[in-house]
Amino acid sequence: MFCLCFLLLKAPSLPKDVVFFEPFNSLDIPPNWVISKSAGYSQNIGIYELTEPTTVAHERALVLKQTSSRFAISSSSPDVLNFSGKTMVLQYELRAPRNIRCSGLYIKLFFGPGFKPNALSNKTLPAIVFGPDFCGKKNEIMFIFSHLNQKTHQYEEKTMTNPTKFNNDGLNHLFTLIIRPNNTYEILIDNNSAKKGSFFSDFHPPVIPFAKIPDPKIKKPSDWDERETIVDEYAQKPSDWDEDQPMFILDESFPMPDGWLNDEPPYIRDLTVQQPKEWDDSFFGPFIPPMIPNPRCKNAIGCGKYVQPMRKNPKFKGKWSKPIISNPNFKGKWNPPLIDNPFFFVDKDPYLISPIQGIGFELLSVDGGIAFRNILLSNDEESVKQWNNETFCQRKLRQLNPSAPKEEYEAPTPKEQIPPKAQYGYKVVVRHSAFMIFYAIKDLLSSLSLPSMIITMCLVLIPVILIVVMKRKYE
C-alpha cells in the first residue's frame, strides 16, 4: 500500500478509509516520492515555506519553482490498488500565482503494475488527469480518464465535456474528484460542488461506442443535390427597375419658413479686428479677419441657404439581383446507411479505473511557483467532506483574514500521534522546543518586576544558549 502520512500542522485525525495522504510538511521531499530522470524534465522541485497570506503558520508545500519547464514527480505503491465496488476520492490542495499565464495545475493517477516513477514523462499513460488547466483565456477544471476498449484492447482517452471554470486568485484552493460505483462523478472546489455528471453521457468520445455507424463503403451519389435553395438563373430584371434612383430625396412639401434669412450667411468676418503690427504677409500670407456669428441672424429663425429635409424615395429599388427559389432537385442531406458497429461493446462499470499504482504530477509550467500539498486518496466521500470542513475551510478563513492568529501546531488524537523525531527529524524537535521556551520566557518576564526579571534571565540564559548551539549544529 501507499505510504500513509499524518498531518501534524493544523489537522485533527484523518478521514476514514484513507488510502494515501501526503501533506508535504517535512523539510525534505519524502523518500517515497521520486523526481523523474526523463530527458527534458526539471530537477528544481523542493519543499518550501509559502509566503503570506497562508492558511497556517510556516505553511509548507511541494513547489515547482522553475519557469518554462516540464516537471515530473510521483509516488508508487508496491501493490496495485483496486476500487471495484468502492467510491474513489482524489483530492489535493493547490496554490498558484495570481497572474498565471499558461500552466497545467493537475494531478495524475497511473496504472499498474509496472509504473516507474523515475521514468515518468508525458508518454506515460495516465489513468486519471484531474485539476485546473490554464493557458491564455482557457481556465477550466479538466477530468480525463483512460478507458479500455474491450474490442481493440487499447486504452482510449475520454475527456469530460463542458468543464467548469476556475478563476485563480493566488490563494489556496482544494480540488476534489469523487468517482462513485453508480458510474457518476462529482467535482468539488473548496469543498463546494462545482459539477456533477455521468460516465455514460458526459465524455467525448463517448464511453460506450454507438451500436450503429455509417457504412464507410457507401459514398454519396454524384447526382445527389443537398442544396435546399438555389438562384433562379432564368429570372430577368423588370423593365421598370431603375437602379439609379437614390434612397433619399428632398421633401418638397416643406417650404422655406417665414423669417428665414436666405441671403444672410450664418457667419461673417469680424472687421473690427485689425492686422497685428508684427504680421508678416510674406511669411504668414495675407491677413484675414476671424469669423463671428452674423448679428443679423441672432433673432431670425434661420440664416443661410435654406435646404429642405430628406425623405425616403418611393421609386428607390436598389441593385437588382436574381431571386432565391426552392431547389426542385433537392433530395435532403446525404446520410449513408447504418451498419452494425464492429467495435461496439457495453461497459457496465466505466467508473472502475483500476488498477492504480502511482500518483503524482507530470505537467508543463510556463509560470513556475506552483505549490501542491495535502494529497489524499480515500474511499469514504462523506468522511472526506467533513474533514475538509474541519480543516481546510477553517484554514481558508484565516488566509482570507491575514490579521487572524495562526497557530503553528494542533496535536492529533493520541492514538494517531507520531513522535516528532520519527516524522520530521531531530532538528525540527530542537526548533520547536526553542520556540516553546522563547514564548514561555516572554510570558513569564511580562509579569515580573525589573530585579526579578534580571535574575530570571540569568537562570535561563545558559540552557537557551545550549539550545541555540544545538539548533545551528543540526541545520
Protein backbone atom coordinates (compact mmCIF):
# COMPACT_ATOMS: atom_id res chain seq x y z
CA MET A 1 0.00 0.00 0.00
CA PHE A 2 0.95 3.64 -0.34
CA CYS A 3 2.98 5.15 2.47
CA LEU A 4 0.49 6.64 4.94
CA CYS A 5 1.46 10.01 6.44
CA PHE A 6 -0.28 12.04 9.14
CA LEU A 7 -0.54 15.83 9.17
CA LEU A 8 0.69 17.40 12.39
CA LEU A 9 0.27 21.01 11.24
CA LYS A 10 -3.33 22.15 11.64
CA ALA A 11 -5.02 18.78 11.23
CA PRO A 12 -7.12 16.57 13.51
CA SER A 13 -7.46 12.89 12.74
CA LEU A 14 -7.57 11.87 9.09
CA PRO A 15 -10.87 10.85 7.47
CA LYS A 16 -11.86 7.20 7.36
CA ASP A 17 -10.63 4.78 4.69
CA VAL A 18 -7.66 6.87 3.63
CA VAL A 19 -5.57 5.00 1.07
CA PHE A 20 -2.90 7.66 0.62
CA PHE A 21 -2.09 11.01 2.22
CA GLU A 22 0.88 13.30 1.72
CA PRO A 23 0.93 16.80 3.32
CA PHE A 24 4.49 17.73 2.20
CA ASN A 25 5.22 19.16 5.64
CA SER A 26 8.65 17.59 6.04
CA LEU A 27 11.80 19.59 5.38
CA ASP A 28 12.84 17.33 2.53
CA ILE A 29 10.99 15.56 -0.25
CA PRO A 30 9.59 12.34 1.26
CA PRO A 31 11.60 9.24 0.34
CA ASN A 32 8.60 7.60 -1.33
CA TRP A 33 8.41 10.49 -3.84
CA VAL A 34 10.72 10.32 -6.86
CA ILE A 35 11.68 13.09 -9.29
CA SER A 36 11.70 11.75 -12.84
CA LYS A 37 15.04 11.36 -14.59
CA SER A 38 13.44 11.57 -18.06
CA ALA A 39 15.19 13.90 -20.51
CA GLY A 40 13.87 17.45 -20.61
CA TYR A 41 12.37 17.43 -17.10
CA SER A 42 13.44 19.92 -14.43
CA GLN A 43 15.00 18.72 -11.18
CA ASN A 44 14.20 22.04 -9.48
CA ILE A 45 11.49 20.66 -7.21
CA GLY A 46 11.51 21.10 -3.44
CA ILE A 47 9.52 21.79 -0.32
CA TYR A 48 9.39 25.44 0.71
CA GLU A 49 7.53 27.67 3.14
CA LEU A 50 4.83 29.67 1.35
CA THR A 51 4.61 33.44 1.53
CA GLU A 52 1.75 35.28 3.20
CA PRO A 53 -1.16 35.10 3.19
CA THR A 54 -1.01 31.47 4.31
CA THR A 55 -3.58 29.21 5.95
CA VAL A 56 -1.28 28.22 8.84
CA ALA A 57 1.96 29.49 10.28
CA HIS A 58 5.05 28.16 8.46
CA GLU A 59 2.92 26.58 5.74
CA ARG A 60 4.98 24.25 3.54
CA ALA A 61 4.25 22.73 0.15
CA LEU A 62 5.85 20.96 -2.79
CA VAL A 63 6.82 23.83 -5.09
CA LEU A 64 7.69 23.73 -8.79
CA LYS A 65 9.81 26.90 -8.92
CA GLN A 66 11.39 26.98 -12.35
CA THR A 67 9.60 28.78 -15.20
CA SER A 68 9.02 27.42 -18.71
CA SER A 69 9.83 23.85 -17.66
CA ARG A 70 8.42 20.36 -17.53
CA PHE A 71 8.09 18.70 -14.13
CA ALA A 72 7.50 15.07 -13.17
CA ILE A 73 7.42 13.77 -9.60
CA SER A 74 5.40 10.84 -8.29
CA SER A 75 4.97 8.15 -5.69
CA SER A 76 4.27 4.47 -6.33
CA SER A 77 2.85 1.62 -4.34
CA PRO A 78 4.39 -1.86 -4.10
CA ASP A 79 0.88 -3.21 -4.63
CA VAL A 80 -1.77 -2.06 -7.11
CA LEU A 81 -5.00 -0.51 -5.81
CA ASN A 82 -8.39 -1.71 -6.96
CA PHE A 83 -11.53 0.35 -6.36
CA SER A 84 -14.07 -2.22 -7.52
CA GLY A 85 -17.40 -1.55 -5.81
CA LYS A 86 -15.91 1.41 -3.92
CA THR A 87 -16.07 5.18 -4.12
CA MET A 88 -12.77 6.81 -5.02
CA VAL A 89 -11.99 10.30 -3.70
CA LEU A 90 -8.95 12.05 -5.18
CA GLN A 91 -8.07 15.39 -3.61
CA TYR A 92 -5.24 17.89 -3.40
CA GLU A 93 -4.59 21.46 -2.32
CA LEU A 94 -3.14 23.97 -4.77
CA ARG A 95 -1.72 27.47 -4.70
CA ALA A 96 -0.74 29.13 -8.00
CA PRO A 97 0.47 32.64 -8.89
CA ARG A 98 -2.36 35.13 -9.29
CA ASN A 99 -1.32 36.29 -12.77
CA ILE A 100 -0.84 32.84 -14.22
CA ARG A 101 -0.27 32.69 -17.99
CA CYS A 102 -0.01 29.08 -19.16
CA SER A 103 0.48 26.14 -16.81
CA GLY A 104 -1.01 22.77 -16.05
CA LEU A 105 -2.05 22.51 -12.39
CA TYR A 106 -3.45 18.99 -12.43
CA ILE A 107 -2.68 15.75 -10.64
CA LYS A 108 -2.44 12.32 -12.25
CA LEU A 109 -3.05 8.71 -11.25
CA PHE A 110 -1.13 5.98 -13.08
CA PHE A 111 -1.92 2.39 -13.93
CA GLY A 112 -0.02 -0.55 -12.55
CA PRO A 113 1.71 -2.88 -12.23
CA GLY A 114 4.94 -1.71 -13.77
CA PHE A 115 4.69 2.02 -13.07
CA LYS A 116 8.19 3.55 -12.85
CA PRO A 117 8.38 6.98 -11.16
CA ASN A 118 11.97 7.66 -12.27
CA ALA A 119 10.90 7.27 -15.94
CA LEU A 120 7.69 9.34 -15.70
CA SER A 121 7.11 11.58 -18.75
CA ASN A 122 4.31 12.85 -20.98
CA LYS A 123 4.46 9.48 -22.75
CA THR A 124 3.40 7.65 -19.56
CA LEU A 125 -0.24 6.64 -19.87
CA PRO A 126 -2.26 8.26 -17.04
CA ALA A 127 -5.29 6.55 -15.57
CA ILE A 128 -6.78 9.91 -14.48
CA VAL A 129 -5.89 13.55 -15.13
CA PHE A 130 -7.73 15.95 -12.84
CA GLY A 131 -7.39 19.63 -11.98
CA PRO A 132 -7.11 23.15 -13.40
CA ASP A 133 -5.51 23.86 -16.74
CA PHE A 134 -4.64 27.47 -17.58
CA CYS A 135 -3.44 28.85 -20.90
CA GLY A 136 -4.50 32.25 -22.22
CA LYS A 137 -8.28 32.51 -21.92
CA LYS A 138 -8.56 28.82 -21.04
CA ASN A 139 -9.19 28.38 -17.31
CA GLU A 140 -11.06 25.18 -16.66
CA ILE A 141 -11.12 22.14 -14.40
CA MET A 142 -10.47 19.14 -16.58
CA PHE A 143 -11.18 15.50 -15.91
CA ILE A 144 -9.72 12.94 -18.32
CA PHE A 145 -9.56 9.20 -17.84
CA SER A 146 -8.17 6.32 -19.88
CA HIS A 147 -10.81 3.78 -20.80
CA LEU A 148 -10.02 0.26 -22.01
CA ASN A 149 -11.70 -0.57 -25.31
CA GLN A 150 -12.87 -4.14 -24.89
CA LYS A 151 -12.72 -4.78 -28.63
CA THR A 152 -9.31 -3.35 -29.52
CA HIS A 153 -7.84 -3.87 -26.02
CA GLN A 154 -6.31 -0.39 -26.30
CA TYR A 155 -6.77 2.50 -23.88
CA GLU A 156 -8.70 5.48 -25.22
CA GLU A 157 -8.65 8.96 -23.69
CA LYS A 158 -12.09 10.22 -22.58
CA THR A 159 -12.42 13.94 -21.84
CA MET A 160 -15.17 15.48 -19.72
CA THR A 161 -17.38 17.80 -21.78
CA ASN A 162 -18.46 21.28 -20.62
CA PRO A 163 -15.73 21.64 -17.98
CA THR A 164 -16.36 24.03 -15.12
CA LYS A 165 -14.40 27.29 -14.97
CA PHE A 166 -11.99 28.29 -12.22
CA ASN A 167 -10.86 31.86 -11.53
CA ASN A 168 -7.48 31.78 -9.82
CA ASP A 169 -6.86 34.41 -7.12
CA GLY A 170 -3.42 33.36 -5.91
CA LEU A 171 -4.76 31.73 -2.69
CA ASN A 172 -5.03 28.11 -1.54
CA HIS A 173 -7.78 26.07 -3.16
CA LEU A 174 -8.93 22.49 -2.63
CA PHE A 175 -9.86 20.30 -5.61
CA THR A 176 -11.79 17.08 -5.10
CA LEU A 177 -12.82 14.42 -7.60
CA ILE A 178 -15.39 11.85 -6.44
CA ILE A 179 -15.99 8.73 -8.55
CA ARG A 180 -18.89 6.53 -7.40
CA PRO A 181 -19.74 2.88 -8.14
CA ASN A 182 -23.06 4.01 -9.70
CA ASN A 183 -20.99 5.46 -12.58
CA THR A 184 -21.43 9.09 -11.55
CA TYR A 185 -18.81 11.65 -10.66
CA GLU A 186 -18.68 14.97 -8.83
CA ILE A 187 -16.10 17.76 -8.71
CA LEU A 188 -15.73 19.94 -5.62
CA ILE A 189 -13.85 23.23 -5.38
CA ASP A 190 -13.09 24.27 -1.80
CA ASN A 191 -15.49 21.52 -0.65
CA ASN A 192 -18.37 23.04 -2.67
CA SER A 193 -19.95 21.10 -5.53
CA ALA A 194 -18.92 22.58 -8.90
CA LYS A 195 -20.04 19.88 -11.36
CA LYS A 196 -21.89 16.56 -11.36
CA GLY A 197 -22.32 14.08 -14.16
CA SER A 198 -22.39 10.56 -15.52
CA PHE A 199 -19.72 8.47 -17.19
CA PHE A 200 -22.31 7.41 -19.77
CA SER A 201 -23.21 10.92 -21.04
CA ASP A 202 -20.53 13.48 -20.14
CA PHE A 203 -17.43 12.37 -22.03
CA HIS A 204 -16.06 12.65 -25.53
CA PRO A 205 -15.59 10.34 -27.31
CA PRO A 206 -18.49 8.54 -25.60
CA VAL A 207 -17.57 5.78 -23.19
CA ILE A 208 -19.87 3.30 -24.93
CA PRO A 209 -19.47 3.37 -28.74
CA PHE A 210 -22.51 3.79 -30.98
CA ALA A 211 -24.21 0.50 -31.82
CA LYS A 212 -24.76 1.66 -35.41
CA ILE A 213 -22.32 3.60 -37.56
CA PRO A 214 -22.44 4.97 -41.14
CA ASP A 215 -21.29 2.45 -43.69
CA PRO A 216 -17.85 3.76 -44.78
CA LYS A 217 -18.05 1.80 -48.03
CA ILE A 218 -21.11 3.65 -49.33
CA LYS A 219 -20.31 7.00 -50.99
CA LYS A 220 -22.71 9.83 -51.82
CA PRO A 221 -24.02 9.58 -55.41
CA SER A 222 -22.58 12.20 -57.75
CA ASP A 223 -26.07 13.50 -58.66
CA TRP A 224 -27.20 13.86 -55.08
CA ASP A 225 -28.20 17.54 -54.56
CA GLU A 226 -28.13 18.72 -50.92
CA ARG A 227 -28.92 22.38 -51.77
CA GLU A 228 -32.31 23.30 -50.34
CA THR A 229 -32.48 26.62 -52.27
CA ILE A 230 -30.84 27.88 -55.45
CA VAL A 231 -30.57 31.11 -57.50
CA ASP A 232 -33.24 31.43 -60.21
CA GLU A 233 -30.97 31.64 -63.24
CA TYR A 234 -33.91 32.23 -65.59
CA ALA A 235 -35.18 35.37 -63.87
CA GLN A 236 -34.87 38.71 -65.77
CA LYS A 237 -34.71 42.23 -64.39
CA PRO A 238 -38.05 44.05 -64.86
CA SER A 239 -38.01 46.80 -67.45
CA ASP A 240 -39.22 49.42 -64.94
CA TRP A 241 -36.49 48.60 -62.42
CA ASP A 242 -34.41 51.80 -62.06
CA GLU A 243 -31.17 51.08 -60.19
CA ASP A 244 -30.12 54.77 -60.41
CA GLN A 245 -32.82 56.11 -58.13
CA PRO A 246 -31.34 57.38 -54.79
CA MET A 247 -32.58 56.02 -51.49
CA PHE A 248 -33.48 59.54 -50.17
CA ILE A 249 -34.70 62.72 -51.94
CA LEU A 250 -35.57 66.29 -50.86
CA ASP A 251 -39.02 66.67 -49.35
CA GLU A 252 -40.51 69.48 -51.43
CA SER A 253 -43.58 69.63 -49.22
CA PHE A 254 -41.53 71.63 -46.69
CA PRO A 255 -41.30 75.28 -47.96
CA MET A 256 -38.86 77.80 -46.51
CA PRO A 257 -40.27 79.09 -43.18
CA ASP A 258 -41.26 82.77 -42.87
CA GLY A 259 -38.48 84.85 -41.32
CA TRP A 260 -35.70 82.69 -42.75
CA LEU A 261 -32.85 84.99 -43.92
CA ASN A 262 -31.90 83.09 -47.05
CA ASP A 263 -29.43 85.75 -48.25
CA GLU A 264 -27.68 86.24 -44.92
CA PRO A 265 -24.69 83.96 -44.15
CA PRO A 266 -24.68 82.49 -40.62
CA TYR A 267 -21.07 83.67 -40.08
CA ILE A 268 -19.28 86.85 -41.25
CA ARG A 269 -15.81 88.35 -40.94
CA ASP A 270 -15.08 90.42 -37.83
CA LEU A 271 -13.94 93.66 -39.48
CA THR A 272 -13.18 95.23 -36.11
CA VAL A 273 -10.08 93.07 -35.84
CA GLN A 274 -7.08 94.85 -37.28
CA GLN A 275 -3.98 93.23 -38.67
CA PRO A 276 -1.29 92.93 -35.92
CA LYS A 277 1.77 95.13 -36.35
CA GLU A 278 4.11 92.14 -36.27
CA TRP A 279 2.16 90.37 -39.01
CA ASP A 280 4.44 89.48 -41.90
CA ASP A 281 2.46 88.89 -45.13
CA SER A 282 5.46 87.28 -46.79
CA PHE A 283 5.62 84.67 -44.01
CA PHE A 284 2.00 84.26 -42.84
CA GLY A 285 0.20 85.27 -46.02
CA PRO A 286 -2.47 88.00 -46.33
CA PHE A 287 -4.23 88.75 -43.05
CA ILE A 288 -7.84 87.52 -42.91
CA PRO A 289 -10.10 88.63 -40.02
CA PRO A 290 -11.67 85.77 -37.97
CA MET A 291 -15.26 84.63 -38.40
CA ILE A 292 -18.04 85.58 -35.94
CA PRO A 293 -21.77 84.74 -35.80
CA ASN A 294 -23.80 87.07 -38.04
CA PRO A 295 -25.56 89.56 -35.69
CA ARG A 296 -28.50 89.81 -38.14
CA CYS A 297 -29.22 86.12 -37.55
CA LYS A 298 -29.49 86.47 -33.79
CA ASN A 299 -33.30 86.88 -33.74
CA ALA A 300 -34.03 85.14 -37.07
CA ILE A 301 -35.47 81.62 -37.36
CA GLY A 302 -32.54 80.67 -39.58
CA CYS A 303 -29.81 82.02 -41.87
CA GLY A 304 -28.06 80.88 -44.99
CA LYS A 305 -29.35 78.99 -47.98
CA TYR A 306 -32.46 77.01 -46.99
CA VAL A 307 -32.24 73.27 -47.67
CA GLN A 308 -35.36 71.10 -47.47
CA PRO A 309 -35.24 67.92 -45.29
CA MET A 310 -34.72 64.50 -46.87
CA ARG A 311 -37.36 61.79 -47.23
CA LYS A 312 -37.34 58.19 -48.44
CA ASN A 313 -37.57 57.89 -52.22
CA PRO A 314 -40.67 55.83 -53.17
CA LYS A 315 -39.04 54.95 -56.50
CA PHE A 316 -35.90 53.51 -54.91
CA LYS A 317 -35.42 49.77 -55.53
CA GLY A 318 -31.66 49.35 -55.25
CA LYS A 319 -29.50 47.00 -57.26
CA TRP A 320 -31.43 44.15 -58.80
CA SER A 321 -30.33 40.56 -58.17
CA LYS A 322 -31.76 37.22 -59.16
CA PRO A 323 -34.16 35.78 -56.59
CA ILE A 324 -33.60 32.64 -54.45
CA ILE A 325 -36.06 29.81 -55.07
CA SER A 326 -36.59 26.31 -53.72
CA ASN A 327 -34.38 23.74 -55.39
CA PRO A 328 -36.62 21.37 -57.39
CA ASN A 329 -33.82 18.75 -57.31
CA PHE A 330 -33.30 18.93 -53.51
CA LYS A 331 -33.04 15.42 -52.04
CA GLY A 332 -32.11 16.28 -48.46
CA LYS A 333 -28.87 15.85 -46.56
CA TRP A 334 -26.95 12.74 -47.57
CA ASN A 335 -26.76 10.12 -44.85
CA PRO A 336 -25.11 6.83 -45.68
CA PRO A 337 -26.90 3.71 -44.49
CA LEU A 338 -26.11 2.48 -40.98
CA ILE A 339 -24.44 -0.81 -40.21
CA ASP A 340 -23.58 -2.63 -37.01
CA ASN A 341 -20.51 -1.16 -35.36
CA PRO A 342 -17.87 -3.91 -35.32
CA PHE A 343 -16.21 -2.19 -32.34
CA PHE A 344 -19.38 -1.82 -30.28
CA PHE A 345 -19.28 -3.05 -26.69
CA VAL A 346 -21.07 -2.30 -23.44
CA ASP A 347 -19.11 -1.41 -20.33
CA LYS A 348 -21.41 -1.52 -17.32
CA ASP A 349 -18.74 -0.18 -14.95
CA PRO A 350 -16.72 2.59 -16.63
CA TYR A 351 -16.18 4.11 -13.16
CA LEU A 352 -13.76 1.28 -12.38
CA ILE A 353 -10.47 2.91 -13.37
CA SER A 354 -8.10 0.29 -11.99
CA PRO A 355 -5.60 -0.97 -11.09
CA ILE A 356 -3.79 2.15 -9.77
CA GLN A 357 -0.15 2.08 -8.72
CA GLY A 358 1.12 5.68 -8.99
CA ILE A 359 0.10 9.21 -8.05
CA GLY A 360 1.89 12.44 -8.86
CA PHE A 361 2.42 15.37 -11.18
CA GLU A 362 3.60 15.46 -14.79
CA LEU A 363 2.97 18.86 -16.30
CA LEU A 364 4.32 21.86 -18.18
CA SER A 365 4.55 25.19 -16.39
CA VAL A 366 5.38 28.49 -18.06
CA ASP A 367 4.90 30.42 -14.83
CA GLY A 368 6.63 28.46 -12.05
CA GLY A 369 5.95 28.98 -8.36
CA ILE A 370 3.17 26.36 -8.29
CA ALA A 371 2.61 24.75 -4.88
CA PHE A 372 0.90 21.42 -4.05
CA ARG A 373 0.07 19.96 -0.65
CA ASN A 374 -2.30 17.65 1.23
CA ILE A 375 -2.72 14.99 -1.47
CA LEU A 376 -5.36 12.49 -0.44
CA LEU A 377 -6.85 9.30 -1.84
CA SER A 378 -9.78 7.77 0.05
CA ASN A 379 -12.84 5.51 -0.21
CA ASP A 380 -15.15 7.50 2.09
CA GLU A 381 -16.76 10.52 0.44
CA GLU A 382 -18.70 11.86 3.44
CA SER A 383 -15.78 11.48 5.82
CA VAL A 384 -13.54 13.48 3.46
CA LYS A 385 -16.14 16.26 3.14
CA GLN A 386 -16.47 16.50 6.92
CA TRP A 387 -12.69 16.53 7.33
CA ASN A 388 -12.43 19.32 4.77
CA ASN A 389 -14.92 21.40 6.74
CA GLU A 390 -12.92 20.88 9.92
CA THR A 391 -9.52 21.57 8.36
CA PHE A 392 -9.29 23.33 5.03
CA CYS A 393 -12.36 25.53 5.42
CA GLN A 394 -11.13 26.78 8.78
CA ARG A 395 -7.62 27.40 7.45
CA LYS A 396 -9.01 29.21 4.40
CA LEU A 397 -10.89 31.64 6.67
CA ARG A 398 -7.57 32.53 8.31
CA GLN A 399 -6.00 33.08 4.90
CA LEU A 400 -8.81 35.43 3.88
CA ASN A 401 -8.29 37.30 7.16
CA PRO A 402 -4.49 37.72 7.45
CA SER A 403 -4.81 39.53 10.79
CA ALA A 404 -6.33 36.43 12.42
CA PRO A 405 -3.93 34.40 14.61
CA LYS A 406 -2.42 31.28 13.01
CA GLU A 407 -1.49 28.58 15.47
CA GLU A 408 1.63 26.67 14.48
CA TYR A 409 0.66 23.25 15.81
CA GLU A 410 -2.50 21.40 16.66
CA ALA A 411 -1.98 17.98 18.24
CA PRO A 412 -3.76 14.98 16.69
CA THR A 413 -5.56 12.39 18.77
CA PRO A 414 -3.22 10.28 20.96
CA LYS A 415 -3.74 7.02 19.09
CA GLU A 416 -2.64 8.63 15.81
CA GLN A 417 0.19 10.74 17.14
CA ILE A 418 3.63 10.02 15.71
CA PRO A 419 6.76 11.09 17.66
CA PRO A 420 8.01 14.35 16.07
CA LYS A 421 11.54 12.93 15.72
CA ALA A 422 10.30 9.98 13.70
CA GLN A 423 8.27 12.21 11.40
CA TYR A 424 10.43 15.30 10.98
CA GLY A 425 13.93 14.65 12.28
CA TYR A 426 15.81 15.90 15.32
CA LYS A 427 16.42 19.46 14.15
CA VAL A 428 12.65 20.10 13.92
CA VAL A 429 12.29 18.97 17.55
CA VAL A 430 15.07 21.38 18.56
CA ARG A 431 13.49 24.22 16.63
CA HIS A 432 10.03 23.54 18.06
CA SER A 433 11.46 23.35 21.59
CA ALA A 434 13.28 26.64 21.14
CA PHE A 435 10.07 28.36 20.08
CA MET A 436 8.15 26.95 23.08
CA ILE A 437 10.84 28.07 25.56
CA PHE A 438 11.02 31.52 23.96
CA TYR A 439 7.28 32.16 24.32
CA ALA A 440 7.22 30.72 27.85
CA ILE A 441 10.04 33.11 28.92
CA LYS A 442 8.28 36.01 27.20
CA ASP A 443 5.04 35.39 29.16
CA LEU A 444 6.98 34.97 32.42
CA LEU A 445 9.02 38.19 32.07
CA SER A 446 5.95 40.26 31.33
CA SER A 447 4.62 39.52 34.83
CA LEU A 448 7.86 40.22 36.82
CA SER A 449 9.45 43.35 38.26
CA LEU A 450 12.82 44.55 36.90
CA PRO A 451 15.08 42.89 39.60
CA SER A 452 13.18 39.62 39.35
CA MET A 453 13.37 39.82 35.56
CA ILE A 454 17.20 40.14 35.63
CA ILE A 455 17.57 37.17 37.99
CA THR A 456 15.25 35.01 35.89
CA MET A 457 17.09 35.86 32.68
CA CYS A 458 20.40 34.82 34.26
CA LEU A 459 18.91 31.48 35.33
CA VAL A 460 17.65 30.61 31.84
CA LEU A 461 20.48 32.11 29.78
CA ILE A 462 22.72 29.03 29.82
CA PRO A 463 20.07 26.46 28.64
CA VAL A 464 18.90 28.87 25.95
CA ILE A 465 22.46 29.17 24.61
CA LEU A 466 22.76 25.37 24.56
CA ILE A 467 19.54 25.03 22.57
CA VAL A 468 20.66 27.62 20.03
CA VAL A 469 24.00 25.84 19.59
CA MET A 470 22.21 22.51 19.06
CA LYS A 471 19.82 24.15 16.57
CA ARG A 472 22.69 25.54 14.48
CA LYS A 473 24.55 22.24 14.61
CA TYR A 474 21.70 20.29 13.06
CA GLU A 475 20.68 22.83 10.40
